[in-house]
Protein backbone atom coordinates (compact mmCIF):
# COMPACT_ATOMS: atom_id res chain seq x y z
CA UNK A 1 -3.21 -1.33 20.01
CA UNK A 2 -2.46 2.28 20.81
CA UNK A 3 -2.67 5.12 18.29
CA UNK A 4 1.10 5.60 18.05
CA UNK A 5 1.69 1.97 17.15
CA UNK A 6 -1.15 2.05 14.65
CA UNK A 7 0.19 5.23 13.02
CA UNK A 8 3.64 3.67 12.71
CA UNK A 9 2.20 0.51 11.15
CA UNK A 10 0.19 2.55 8.65
CA UNK A 11 3.25 4.61 7.72
CA UNK A 12 5.28 1.44 7.29
CA UNK A 13 2.70 -0.17 4.99
CA UNK A 14 2.46 3.03 2.93
CA UNK A 15 6.24 3.13 2.58
CA UNK A 16 6.41 -0.52 1.49
CA UNK A 17 3.66 0.14 -1.06
CA UNK A 18 5.57 3.12 -2.40
CA UNK A 19 8.79 1.11 -2.77
CA UNK A 20 6.91 -1.79 -4.38
CA UNK A 21 5.00 0.61 -6.64
CA UNK A 22 1.59 -0.41 -5.36
CA UNK A 23 -0.06 3.00 -4.88
CA UNK A 24 -3.64 1.75 -4.86
CA UNK A 25 -2.98 -0.58 -1.95
CA UNK A 26 -1.10 2.18 -0.14
CA UNK A 27 -4.04 4.52 -0.54
CA UNK A 28 -6.83 2.08 0.28
CA UNK A 29 -5.63 -0.52 2.79
CA UNK A 30 -7.07 1.23 5.86
CA UNK A 31 -10.51 1.80 4.33
CA UNK A 32 -10.68 -1.74 2.99
CA UNK A 33 -9.54 -3.22 6.31
CA UNK A 34 -12.38 -1.40 8.08
CA UNK A 35 -14.81 -2.64 5.44
CA UNK A 36 -13.49 -6.20 5.78
CA UNK A 37 -14.06 -6.09 9.54
CA UNK A 38 -17.65 -4.87 9.06
CA UNK A 39 -18.33 -7.56 6.47
CA UNK A 40 -16.56 -10.23 8.57
CA UNK A 41 -14.26 -11.08 5.67
CA UNK A 42 -11.22 -13.28 6.14
CA UNK A 43 -7.64 -12.07 5.88
CA UNK A 44 -7.42 -13.74 2.50
CA UNK A 45 -10.60 -11.98 1.34
CA UNK A 46 -9.14 -8.65 2.43
CA UNK A 47 -5.88 -9.35 0.63
CA UNK A 48 -7.75 -10.43 -2.48
CA UNK A 49 -9.72 -7.16 -2.49
CA UNK A 50 -6.51 -5.12 -2.20
CA UNK A 51 -4.77 -7.03 -4.98
CA UNK A 52 -7.83 -6.83 -7.23
CA UNK A 53 -7.92 -3.04 -6.86
CA UNK A 54 -4.20 -2.77 -7.60
CA UNK A 55 -4.44 -5.01 -10.66
CA UNK A 56 -7.45 -3.15 -12.09
CA UNK A 57 -5.59 0.12 -11.70
CA UNK A 58 -2.54 -1.32 -13.47
CA UNK A 59 -4.69 -2.55 -16.36
CA UNK A 60 -6.27 0.90 -16.75
CA UNK A 61 -2.83 2.53 -16.70
CA UNK A 62 -1.51 0.10 -19.30
CA UNK A 63 -4.54 0.67 -21.50
CA UNK A 64 -4.17 4.44 -21.30
CA UNK A 65 -0.47 4.21 -22.14
CA UNK A 66 -1.09 1.89 -25.06
CA UNK A 67 -3.91 3.98 -26.47
CA UNK A 68 -2.06 7.29 -26.27
CA UNK A 69 -1.45 8.70 -29.71
CA UNK A 70 2.19 9.39 -30.41
CA UNK A 71 2.96 12.98 -31.26
CA UNK A 72 4.87 13.67 -34.42
CA UNK A 73 6.90 16.81 -34.94
CA UNK A 74 5.23 19.05 -37.47
């Protein structure tokens, strides 16, 4: 695969992640794909790692939102 094709694929995945509101996957898919290759993980293992990261981030965001103290006018 040449660099132009690879750059277009990366841009496309990032755009899909933005539209689908999956920022963690959009930010980490290249790094995790390289790691998956080194560790000889399957496609499913790679996908599972991406989805796990996204879900953990969503849980943290939900927790932070739920634990935020409401401000009352003084």
